N, C-alpha and C. Protein backbone atom coordinates (compact mmCIF):
# COMPACT_ATOMS: atom_id res chain seq x y z
N MET A 1 -27.52 9.93 0.86
CA MET A 1 -29.18 10.25 -0.37
C MET A 1 -28.79 8.10 -0.36
N ILE A 2 -27.90 7.98 -0.60
CA ILE A 2 -28.21 6.41 -1.22
C ILE A 2 -29.16 5.13 -0.09
N MET A 3 -28.54 5.76 1.48
CA MET A 3 -29.19 4.93 2.42
C MET A 3 -30.85 5.70 2.48
N GLY A 4 -31.12 7.29 1.94
CA GLY A 4 -32.73 7.68 1.99
C GLY A 4 -33.13 6.99 0.74
N ILE A 5 -32.38 6.57 -0.44
CA ILE A 5 -33.20 5.99 -1.61
C ILE A 5 -34.14 4.08 -0.78
N ILE A 6 -32.54 3.64 -0.13
CA ILE A 6 -33.03 2.39 0.27
C ILE A 6 -34.09 2.32 1.63
N THR A 7 -34.11 3.76 2.68
CA THR A 7 -34.99 3.15 3.48
C THR A 7 -36.42 3.47 2.40
N SER A 8 -36.35 4.46 1.72
CA SER A 8 -38.03 4.56 1.20
C SER A 8 -38.43 3.38 0.31
N LEU A 9 -37.38 2.59 -0.10
CA LEU A 9 -37.68 1.36 -0.83
C LEU A 9 -38.01 0.33 0.29
N LEU A 10 -37.64 0.30 1.53
CA LEU A 10 -37.86 -0.96 2.07
C LEU A 10 -39.31 -0.89 2.83
N PHE A 11 -40.25 0.52 2.53
CA PHE A 11 -41.03 1.01 3.41
C PHE A 11 -42.18 0.86 1.92
N LYS A 12 -41.76 0.65 1.37
CA LYS A 12 -42.87 0.49 -0.46
C LYS A 12 -43.87 -1.34 -0.11
N ASN A 13 -44.49 -0.95 -0.56
CA ASN A 13 -45.69 -2.23 -0.18
C ASN A 13 -44.79 -3.35 -0.92
N SER A 14 -44.06 -3.13 -2.10
CA SER A 14 -43.50 -4.13 -2.83
C SER A 14 -42.68 -4.89 -1.90
N VAL A 15 -41.68 -4.59 -0.59
CA VAL A 15 -41.37 -5.49 0.17
C VAL A 15 -41.37 -5.09 1.53
N ARG A 16 -42.81 -5.08 1.39
CA ARG A 16 -43.06 -4.52 3.11
C ARG A 16 -42.98 -5.58 4.00
N SER A 17 -43.05 -7.08 3.48
CA SER A 17 -42.91 -7.94 4.92
C SER A 17 -41.18 -9.02 4.71
N PHE A 18 -41.79 -9.06 5.65
CA PHE A 18 -40.28 -9.20 6.40
C PHE A 18 -39.53 -9.86 5.36
N PHE A 19 -40.05 -10.59 4.82
CA PHE A 19 -38.98 -11.78 3.39
C PHE A 19 -38.53 -10.90 2.95
N GLY A 20 -39.70 -10.24 2.68
CA GLY A 20 -39.05 -9.04 1.18
C GLY A 20 -37.90 -8.27 1.01
N ARG A 21 -38.18 -7.79 2.98
CA ARG A 21 -36.86 -6.40 3.12
C ARG A 21 -35.94 -7.45 3.62
N ALA A 22 -36.08 -8.94 4.18
CA ALA A 22 -34.68 -9.20 3.99
C ALA A 22 -33.80 -9.74 2.73
N VAL A 23 -34.70 -10.22 1.82
CA VAL A 23 -34.08 -10.58 0.57
C VAL A 23 -33.23 -8.95 -0.52
N PHE A 24 -34.80 -7.97 0.24
CA PHE A 24 -33.75 -6.89 -0.60
C PHE A 24 -32.39 -6.06 0.31
N SER A 25 -32.41 -6.54 1.61
CA SER A 25 -31.08 -5.80 1.94
C SER A 25 -29.91 -7.41 1.78
N PHE A 26 -30.29 -8.02 1.87
CA PHE A 26 -28.77 -9.14 0.78
C PHE A 26 -28.69 -8.53 -0.20
N LEU A 27 -29.55 -8.32 -1.30
CA LEU A 27 -29.06 -7.57 -2.16
C LEU A 27 -28.30 -6.70 -2.25
N VAL A 28 -28.48 -5.63 -1.43
CA VAL A 28 -27.84 -4.40 -0.83
C VAL A 28 -26.80 -4.45 -0.80
N LEU A 29 -26.61 -5.05 0.04
CA LEU A 29 -25.32 -5.58 0.82
C LEU A 29 -24.38 -5.97 -0.05
N GLY A 30 -24.64 -7.03 -1.09
CA GLY A 30 -23.82 -7.78 -1.74
C GLY A 30 -23.69 -7.00 -2.99
N CYS A 31 -24.19 -5.81 -3.47
CA CYS A 31 -23.73 -5.15 -4.29
C CYS A 31 -22.67 -3.94 -3.95
N PHE A 32 -22.92 -3.81 -2.78
CA PHE A 32 -21.78 -2.84 -1.77
C PHE A 32 -20.58 -3.74 -1.53
N SER A 33 -21.09 -5.19 -0.98
CA SER A 33 -19.45 -5.84 -0.64
C SER A 33 -18.80 -5.93 -2.04
N MET A 34 -19.46 -6.03 -3.50
CA MET A 34 -19.03 -6.39 -4.73
C MET A 34 -18.15 -5.47 -5.01
N THR A 35 -18.83 -3.86 -4.91
CA THR A 35 -17.89 -2.74 -4.96
C THR A 35 -16.55 -2.06 -4.52
N ALA A 36 -16.80 -3.51 -2.75
CA ALA A 36 -15.22 -2.84 -2.36
C ALA A 36 -14.79 -3.88 -2.87
N GLU A 37 -15.12 -4.67 -3.48
CA GLU A 37 -13.89 -5.92 -3.94
C GLU A 37 -13.30 -5.40 -5.52
N ALA A 38 -14.43 -5.11 -5.77
CA ALA A 38 -13.73 -4.74 -7.37
C ALA A 38 -12.68 -3.34 -6.95
N ALA A 39 -12.88 -2.08 -5.94
CA ALA A 39 -11.84 -1.30 -5.83
C ALA A 39 -10.35 -1.91 -6.34
N ALA A 40 -10.06 -2.81 -5.68
CA ALA A 40 -8.67 -3.22 -5.43
C ALA A 40 -8.35 -3.55 -6.76
N LYS A 41 -7.17 -3.07 -7.06
CA LYS A 41 -6.06 -2.58 -8.76
C LYS A 41 -4.54 -3.38 -8.63
N VAL A 42 -5.00 -4.65 -9.72
CA VAL A 42 -3.11 -5.18 -9.08
C VAL A 42 -2.53 -4.66 -10.35
N TYR A 43 -1.06 -4.05 -10.33
CA TYR A 43 -0.68 -3.49 -11.07
C TYR A 43 0.23 -4.46 -11.84
N GLU A 44 0.78 -5.34 -11.09
CA GLU A 44 2.15 -6.11 -10.69
C GLU A 44 1.85 -7.03 -9.55
N LYS A 45 2.12 -8.29 -10.00
CA LYS A 45 2.07 -9.28 -8.97
C LYS A 45 2.87 -9.48 -7.77
N PRO A 46 3.52 -9.66 -6.92
CA PRO A 46 4.58 -9.39 -6.37
C PRO A 46 5.41 -10.56 -7.00
N SER A 47 5.32 -11.41 -7.14
CA SER A 47 6.52 -12.30 -7.58
C SER A 47 7.25 -11.81 -8.97
N SER A 48 5.94 -11.04 -9.91
CA SER A 48 6.52 -10.26 -10.87
C SER A 48 7.50 -9.53 -10.95
N PHE A 49 6.80 -8.87 -9.86
CA PHE A 49 8.03 -7.75 -9.79
C PHE A 49 9.70 -8.30 -9.37
N MET A 50 9.35 -9.28 -8.82
CA MET A 50 10.62 -9.73 -7.93
C MET A 50 11.27 -10.41 -9.37
N LYS A 51 10.44 -11.49 -10.19
CA LYS A 51 11.37 -11.79 -11.54
C LYS A 51 11.83 -10.80 -11.92
N ARG A 52 11.07 -9.42 -12.55
CA ARG A 52 11.82 -8.31 -13.30
C ARG A 52 13.02 -7.51 -12.36
N GLN A 53 13.03 -7.58 -11.28
CA GLN A 53 13.59 -7.33 -10.34
C GLN A 53 15.31 -8.27 -10.68
N PHE A 54 15.27 -9.50 -10.36
CA PHE A 54 16.24 -10.17 -10.04
C PHE A 54 16.78 -11.16 -10.73
N GLY A 55 15.42 -11.17 -12.18
CA GLY A 55 15.70 -12.14 -13.05
C GLY A 55 14.69 -13.55 -12.72
N ALA A 56 15.26 -14.16 -11.71
CA ALA A 56 14.31 -14.84 -10.70
C ALA A 56 13.83 -15.14 -9.45
N VAL A 57 12.85 -15.31 -8.81
CA VAL A 57 12.79 -14.97 -7.62
C VAL A 57 13.83 -15.25 -6.50
N PRO A 58 14.48 -14.66 -5.66
CA PRO A 58 15.04 -14.78 -4.87
C PRO A 58 15.12 -15.33 -3.24
N LYS A 59 15.58 -16.12 -2.75
CA LYS A 59 15.28 -16.70 -1.47
C LYS A 59 14.90 -15.92 -1.14
N THR A 60 13.78 -15.91 0.28
CA THR A 60 12.88 -15.02 0.60
C THR A 60 13.62 -15.00 2.16
N GLN A 61 14.04 -13.66 2.91
CA GLN A 61 14.84 -14.08 4.14
C GLN A 61 13.99 -13.29 4.56
N VAL A 62 13.84 -13.26 6.15
CA VAL A 62 13.70 -12.04 7.14
C VAL A 62 14.25 -11.72 7.89
N LEU A 63 14.07 -10.36 8.53
CA LEU A 63 15.02 -9.38 9.44
C LEU A 63 13.25 -9.11 10.56
N VAL A 64 14.13 -9.79 11.49
CA VAL A 64 13.26 -10.02 12.81
C VAL A 64 13.61 -8.63 13.68
N LEU A 65 12.67 -7.51 13.81
CA LEU A 65 12.93 -6.15 14.32
C LEU A 65 13.27 -6.55 15.72
N SER A 66 13.72 -5.74 16.19
CA SER A 66 13.95 -4.90 17.20
C SER A 66 13.42 -4.32 18.25
N LYS A 67 13.84 -3.83 19.28
CA LYS A 67 12.32 -3.06 19.87
C LYS A 67 12.87 -1.27 19.48
N GLU A 68 14.29 -1.44 19.14
CA GLU A 68 14.77 0.26 18.48
C GLU A 68 14.23 0.02 17.32
N GLN A 69 14.55 -0.74 16.38
CA GLN A 69 14.00 -0.72 14.84
C GLN A 69 12.30 -0.86 14.68
N HIS A 70 11.87 -0.69 15.56
CA HIS A 70 10.45 -0.60 15.95
C HIS A 70 10.12 0.71 16.10
N LYS A 71 10.92 1.35 17.16
CA LYS A 71 11.09 2.95 17.62
C LYS A 71 11.02 3.39 16.44
N GLN A 72 11.99 2.97 15.24
CA GLN A 72 12.50 3.53 14.14
C GLN A 72 11.51 3.85 13.32
N LEU A 73 11.19 2.82 12.72
CA LEU A 73 9.82 2.56 11.84
C LEU A 73 8.83 3.11 12.45
N LYS A 74 8.60 3.26 13.64
CA LYS A 74 7.59 4.64 14.65
C LYS A 74 7.60 5.59 13.89
N SER A 75 8.76 5.98 14.01
CA SER A 75 9.04 7.58 14.03
C SER A 75 9.09 7.57 12.26
N ILE A 76 9.16 6.29 11.41
CA ILE A 76 8.60 7.12 10.30
C ILE A 76 7.48 7.09 9.85
N LEU A 77 7.32 6.08 9.89
CA LEU A 77 5.38 5.69 9.49
C LEU A 77 4.18 6.39 10.32
N LYS A 78 4.53 6.74 11.65
CA LYS A 78 3.63 7.99 12.45
C LYS A 78 2.84 7.37 13.01
N HIS A 79 3.13 6.16 12.69
CA HIS A 79 2.22 4.73 13.93
C HIS A 79 3.04 3.57 14.31
N ARG A 80 2.82 2.82 15.08
CA ARG A 80 3.18 1.57 15.67
C ARG A 80 3.17 0.93 14.26
N PHE A 81 4.57 -0.30 13.98
CA PHE A 81 4.30 -1.20 13.01
C PHE A 81 4.15 -2.14 13.76
N LYS A 82 3.75 -3.22 13.24
CA LYS A 82 2.89 -4.07 13.77
C LYS A 82 3.68 -5.89 13.63
N GLU A 83 4.30 -5.64 13.11
CA GLU A 83 4.49 -6.23 12.33
C GLU A 83 5.87 -6.72 13.28
N LYS A 84 6.42 -8.34 13.62
CA LYS A 84 7.35 -8.76 14.81
C LYS A 84 9.03 -8.87 13.42
N GLN A 85 8.39 -8.72 12.27
CA GLN A 85 9.48 -9.23 11.49
C GLN A 85 9.29 -8.90 9.93
N VAL A 86 10.20 -8.68 8.83
CA VAL A 86 9.77 -7.90 7.94
C VAL A 86 10.38 -9.25 6.59
N ARG A 87 9.67 -9.38 5.45
CA ARG A 87 10.30 -10.45 4.99
C ARG A 87 10.93 -9.28 3.45
N TYR A 88 12.02 -10.04 2.60
CA TYR A 88 12.72 -9.22 1.65
C TYR A 88 13.41 -9.92 0.76
N TRP A 89 13.88 -9.53 -0.02
CA TRP A 89 14.57 -10.64 -0.94
C TRP A 89 16.08 -10.00 -1.28
N LYS A 90 17.17 -10.51 -1.42
CA LYS A 90 18.34 -10.01 -1.97
C LYS A 90 19.02 -10.40 -3.13
N GLY A 91 19.98 -9.44 -4.11
CA GLY A 91 20.90 -10.38 -5.04
C GLY A 91 21.14 -8.88 -5.77
N ALA A 92 22.47 -9.08 -6.75
CA ALA A 92 22.43 -8.32 -7.74
C ALA A 92 22.77 -6.67 -6.81
N GLY A 93 23.25 -6.88 -5.75
CA GLY A 93 23.76 -5.32 -5.11
C GLY A 93 21.88 -4.53 -4.73
N LYS A 94 21.14 -5.20 -4.96
CA LYS A 94 19.91 -4.93 -4.39
C LYS A 94 19.05 -5.50 -3.41
N THR A 95 18.54 -5.16 -2.68
CA THR A 95 17.17 -5.53 -1.59
C THR A 95 15.67 -5.03 -2.35
N ALA A 96 14.62 -6.01 -2.19
CA ALA A 96 13.39 -5.38 -2.29
C ALA A 96 12.45 -5.87 -1.03
N TRP A 97 11.65 -4.75 -1.53
CA TRP A 97 10.67 -5.08 -0.02
C TRP A 97 9.22 -4.84 -0.63
N ILE A 98 8.31 -5.38 0.19
CA ILE A 98 6.69 -5.28 -0.38
C ILE A 98 6.52 -4.80 0.89
N LEU A 99 5.61 -3.68 1.43
CA LEU A 99 5.05 -3.16 2.14
C LEU A 99 4.02 -2.65 1.95
N ASN A 100 2.90 -2.89 3.00
CA ASN A 100 1.57 -2.15 2.74
C ASN A 100 1.83 -0.91 3.88
N GLU A 101 0.98 0.10 3.73
CA GLU A 101 0.99 1.29 3.71
C GLU A 101 -0.67 1.69 3.98
N THR A 102 -1.38 1.96 4.79
CA THR A 102 -2.70 2.52 4.97
C THR A 102 -2.48 3.92 3.76
N GLY A 103 -3.37 4.44 2.82
CA GLY A 103 -3.95 5.22 2.50
C GLY A 103 -4.72 6.05 3.21
N LYS A 104 -5.82 6.19 2.84
CA LYS A 104 -6.99 7.13 3.43
C LYS A 104 -7.52 6.08 4.60
N SER A 105 -8.02 4.41 4.12
CA SER A 105 -8.49 3.67 4.88
C SER A 105 -8.08 2.11 4.55
N GLU A 106 -7.32 2.25 3.15
CA GLU A 106 -6.95 0.72 2.61
C GLU A 106 -5.72 0.76 2.44
N PHE A 107 -4.85 -0.84 2.58
CA PHE A 107 -4.11 -0.89 2.24
C PHE A 107 -3.40 -0.73 1.00
N ILE A 108 -2.10 -0.12 0.47
CA ILE A 108 -1.07 0.24 -0.83
C ILE A 108 -0.03 -0.84 -0.71
N THR A 109 -0.22 -1.47 -1.42
CA THR A 109 1.00 -2.64 -1.21
C THR A 109 2.18 -1.94 -2.44
N THR A 110 3.55 -1.74 -1.92
CA THR A 110 4.17 -1.54 -2.57
C THR A 110 5.13 -2.36 -2.79
N GLY A 111 5.91 -2.49 -3.70
CA GLY A 111 7.58 -2.96 -3.52
C GLY A 111 8.47 -1.88 -3.84
N VAL A 112 9.56 -2.09 -3.55
CA VAL A 112 10.59 -0.94 -3.45
C VAL A 112 11.90 -1.59 -3.41
N VAL A 113 12.82 -1.32 -4.73
CA VAL A 113 14.10 -1.83 -4.80
C VAL A 113 15.06 -0.59 -4.16
N VAL A 114 16.00 -1.29 -3.23
CA VAL A 114 17.04 -0.17 -2.30
C VAL A 114 18.47 -1.25 -3.48
N LYS A 115 19.03 0.23 -3.98
CA LYS A 115 20.73 -0.49 -3.91
C LYS A 115 21.47 0.40 -4.03
N GLY A 116 22.27 0.61 -3.39
CA GLY A 116 23.43 1.42 -2.75
C GLY A 116 23.14 2.27 -2.16
N GLY A 117 21.97 2.21 -0.85
CA GLY A 117 21.56 3.04 -0.23
C GLY A 117 20.71 4.38 -0.64
N LYS A 118 19.61 3.86 -1.71
CA LYS A 118 19.10 5.21 -2.59
C LYS A 118 18.11 4.20 -3.32
N ILE A 119 16.99 4.49 -3.68
CA ILE A 119 15.90 3.97 -4.13
C ILE A 119 15.89 3.78 -5.50
N HIS A 120 16.15 2.67 -5.89
CA HIS A 120 15.83 1.80 -7.47
C HIS A 120 15.03 1.88 -8.00
N GLU A 121 13.64 1.84 -7.41
CA GLU A 121 12.24 1.76 -8.02
C GLU A 121 11.56 1.53 -6.87
N ILE A 122 10.54 2.11 -7.44
CA ILE A 122 9.29 2.29 -5.93
C ILE A 122 7.78 1.91 -7.18
N LYS A 123 7.30 0.88 -6.81
CA LYS A 123 6.30 0.36 -7.49
C LYS A 123 4.98 0.08 -6.45
N VAL A 124 4.04 0.33 -7.03
CA VAL A 124 2.75 0.20 -6.16
C VAL A 124 2.10 -1.07 -7.12
N LEU A 125 2.07 -2.15 -6.11
CA LEU A 125 1.81 -3.51 -6.70
C LEU A 125 0.10 -3.74 -6.77
N VAL A 126 -0.39 -3.53 -5.45
CA VAL A 126 -1.78 -3.48 -5.76
C VAL A 126 -2.23 -1.99 -4.81
N TYR A 127 -3.49 -1.44 -5.65
CA TYR A 127 -4.25 -0.22 -5.41
C TYR A 127 -5.24 -0.60 -4.41
N ARG A 128 -5.72 -0.20 -3.41
CA ARG A 128 -6.84 -0.74 -2.61
C ARG A 128 -7.95 0.66 -2.64
N GLU A 129 -7.80 1.68 -2.64
CA GLU A 129 -8.46 3.26 -2.60
C GLU A 129 -9.50 3.25 -3.69
N SER A 130 -10.61 4.18 -3.11
CA SER A 130 -11.02 4.74 -4.34
C SER A 130 -10.54 5.67 -5.22
N HIS A 131 -9.57 6.52 -4.65
CA HIS A 131 -9.39 7.90 -5.17
C HIS A 131 -7.93 7.98 -4.85
N GLY A 132 -6.95 8.49 -5.54
CA GLY A 132 -5.49 8.39 -5.33
C GLY A 132 -4.82 7.57 -6.04
N TRP A 133 -5.37 6.64 -7.22
CA TRP A 133 -4.55 5.76 -7.80
C TRP A 133 -3.44 6.36 -8.87
N GLU A 134 -3.53 7.75 -8.83
CA GLU A 134 -2.62 8.10 -9.83
C GLU A 134 -1.14 8.18 -8.78
N VAL A 135 -1.07 7.78 -8.32
CA VAL A 135 0.43 7.36 -7.12
C VAL A 135 0.74 6.14 -8.05
N SER A 136 0.31 5.25 -8.93
CA SER A 136 0.81 4.17 -9.54
C SER A 136 1.52 4.54 -10.88
N LYS A 137 0.97 5.76 -11.13
CA LYS A 137 1.72 5.99 -12.15
C LYS A 137 3.06 6.38 -12.61
N SER A 138 4.28 6.13 -13.72
CA SER A 138 5.51 6.28 -13.70
C SER A 138 5.91 8.09 -13.25
N PHE A 139 5.19 8.96 -14.01
CA PHE A 139 4.82 10.11 -13.29
C PHE A 139 5.20 10.64 -11.95
N PHE A 140 4.64 10.01 -10.64
CA PHE A 140 4.66 10.24 -9.91
C PHE A 140 5.68 9.54 -9.15
N THR A 141 6.03 7.82 -10.00
CA THR A 141 7.07 6.72 -9.01
C THR A 141 8.35 7.61 -9.27
N GLN A 142 8.55 7.94 -10.23
CA GLN A 142 10.01 8.31 -11.46
C GLN A 142 10.72 9.46 -9.59
N GLN A 143 9.61 10.18 -9.43
CA GLN A 143 10.73 11.07 -8.19
C GLN A 143 11.29 10.38 -7.16
N PHE A 144 10.94 9.16 -7.47
CA PHE A 144 11.75 8.58 -5.70
C PHE A 144 13.16 7.68 -6.49
N LYS A 145 13.09 7.62 -7.62
CA LYS A 145 14.30 6.99 -8.07
C LYS A 145 15.64 7.94 -7.39
N GLY A 146 16.33 7.36 -6.90
CA GLY A 146 17.54 7.83 -6.19
C GLY A 146 17.30 8.47 -4.82
N ALA A 147 16.41 8.83 -4.50
CA ALA A 147 16.39 9.28 -3.42
C ALA A 147 17.02 8.73 -2.10
N GLN A 148 17.00 9.11 -1.13
CA GLN A 148 18.20 8.37 0.04
C GLN A 148 17.28 8.75 1.26
N LEU A 149 17.53 7.99 2.81
CA LEU A 149 17.26 8.47 3.66
C LEU A 149 17.61 9.76 4.41
N ASP A 150 17.02 10.68 5.02
CA ASP A 150 17.59 11.83 5.50
C ASP A 150 16.99 11.85 6.80
N GLY A 151 17.98 11.29 7.63
CA GLY A 151 16.56 10.82 9.27
C GLY A 151 15.88 10.15 9.12
N ARG A 152 14.56 10.54 8.95
CA ARG A 152 13.00 9.84 9.16
C ARG A 152 12.81 9.85 7.64
N LYS A 153 12.96 11.15 6.98
CA LYS A 153 11.96 11.23 5.88
C LYS A 153 12.94 11.11 4.41
N LEU A 154 12.81 11.08 3.30
CA LEU A 154 13.34 11.11 2.10
C LEU A 154 14.19 12.57 2.17
N ASP A 155 15.45 12.35 1.32
CA ASP A 155 16.30 13.61 1.14
C ASP A 155 15.32 14.81 0.30
N ARG A 156 14.64 14.23 -0.39
CA ARG A 156 14.28 15.82 -1.29
C ARG A 156 12.68 15.33 -1.53
N ARG A 157 12.09 16.70 -2.09
CA ARG A 157 10.79 16.87 -2.03
C ARG A 157 9.88 15.81 -2.98
N ILE A 158 8.89 15.61 -2.85
CA ILE A 158 8.04 14.46 -3.84
C ILE A 158 6.52 15.51 -3.99
N ASP A 159 6.59 15.74 -5.37
CA ASP A 159 5.26 16.48 -5.51
C ASP A 159 4.35 15.98 -5.26
N GLY A 160 3.11 16.24 -4.81
CA GLY A 160 1.82 15.77 -4.40
C GLY A 160 1.35 15.99 -5.86
N ILE A 161 -0.20 14.92 -5.46
CA ILE A 161 -0.97 14.87 -6.64
C ILE A 161 -2.19 15.39 -5.65
N VAL A 162 -3.30 16.44 -6.69
CA VAL A 162 -4.05 16.62 -5.70
C VAL A 162 -5.31 15.59 -6.04
N GLY A 163 -5.86 15.13 -4.42
CA GLY A 163 -6.95 14.40 -4.74
C GLY A 163 -6.47 13.52 -3.65
N ALA A 164 -4.72 13.05 -3.45
CA ALA A 164 -4.29 11.87 -3.40
C ALA A 164 -3.61 12.46 -2.59
N THR A 165 -3.76 13.40 -1.45
CA THR A 165 -2.60 13.47 -0.46
C THR A 165 -2.20 12.43 0.62
N LEU A 166 -3.43 11.81 0.63
CA LEU A 166 -2.96 10.37 1.81
C LEU A 166 -2.24 9.55 1.15
N SER A 167 -2.71 9.47 0.16
CA SER A 167 -1.36 8.25 -0.69
C SER A 167 0.03 8.62 -1.36
N VAL A 168 -0.07 10.04 -1.84
CA VAL A 168 0.84 10.20 -1.60
C VAL A 168 1.79 10.26 -0.60
N ASN A 169 1.42 10.63 0.82
CA ASN A 169 2.12 10.55 2.05
C ASN A 169 2.40 9.17 2.19
N ALA A 170 1.64 7.89 2.09
CA ALA A 170 1.46 6.70 2.35
C ALA A 170 3.14 6.34 1.45
N MET A 171 3.06 6.68 0.11
CA MET A 171 4.07 6.70 -1.10
C MET A 171 5.14 6.88 0.13
N LYS A 172 5.57 7.87 1.00
CA LYS A 172 6.88 8.37 0.91
C LYS A 172 7.43 8.15 2.36
N LYS A 173 6.16 7.84 3.14
CA LYS A 173 6.33 7.00 4.30
C LYS A 173 6.93 5.26 4.09
N VAL A 174 6.47 4.85 2.57
CA VAL A 174 7.23 2.97 2.17
C VAL A 174 8.28 3.30 1.59
N GLY A 175 8.35 4.82 1.08
CA GLY A 175 10.10 4.61 0.73
C GLY A 175 11.41 4.87 1.67
N ALA A 176 10.67 5.86 2.53
CA ALA A 176 11.88 5.73 3.88
C ALA A 176 11.68 4.40 4.67
N ALA A 177 10.96 4.00 4.66
CA ALA A 177 11.01 2.85 5.45
C ALA A 177 11.53 1.64 4.64
N ALA A 178 11.22 1.99 3.62
CA ALA A 178 12.21 0.76 2.84
C ALA A 178 13.72 0.95 3.24
N LEU A 179 13.71 2.16 2.82
CA LEU A 179 15.37 2.58 2.63
C LEU A 179 16.29 1.89 4.47
N TYR A 180 15.63 2.62 5.04
CA TYR A 180 15.92 2.57 6.90
C TYR A 180 15.95 0.99 7.05
N LEU A 181 14.74 -0.38 6.18
CA LEU A 181 14.83 -1.48 6.38
C LEU A 181 16.12 -1.93 5.56
N SER A 182 16.34 -1.09 4.95
CA SER A 182 17.56 -1.69 3.54
C SER A 182 18.91 -1.46 4.11
N SER A 183 19.08 -0.52 4.87
CA SER A 183 19.94 -0.15 5.65
C SER A 183 20.87 -1.20 7.01
N GLN A 184 19.56 -1.53 7.96
CA GLN A 184 20.12 -2.76 8.48
C GLN A 184 19.85 -4.11 8.29
N VAL A 185 19.67 -4.72 7.29
CA VAL A 185 20.36 -5.81 6.14
C VAL A 185 22.01 -5.40 5.85
N GLU A 186 22.15 -4.64 5.85
CA GLU A 186 23.46 -4.39 4.88
C GLU A 186 24.36 -3.99 5.79
N LYS A 187 24.03 -4.01 7.05
CA LYS A 187 25.27 -3.27 8.52
C LYS A 187 26.37 -5.07 8.40
């Protein structure tokens, strides 16, 4: 529908000239790019998330992933994990992970804190999708508290949200991935 309106406007007398069409196209593309940027909603900055968890941001540590760890992450995430290493933070008997997973088409940046092999907290830090933002709400994230890894998935059922299936699945995969990664640094 939008493309039909744009096309009809392009061929009206007021924008028939090359210059007019070029300016009009530039303005339309500018509007679409501003809309895409505006879709990102920051719920909490990663540094604030770390300070809240640990009192101060602990030293960043790095887990260099082996072939076996990549294989396990692939089975959890249902796609190849592209990173060769993962940053994490550790202190007070907890590990914290900031992971990105695609919902429908955009990354959801999520902070996950693991304590004693269980999810202590999971929080959407940045949400970029146009639908499914409800996964950032506490009524949804509270379901993860105390969850453990059972094979390649969480040990409990996480209730879905109508219209947010892909975002819900992304959150479940991130929770399982954080539990797996935490088990690797606790060895």
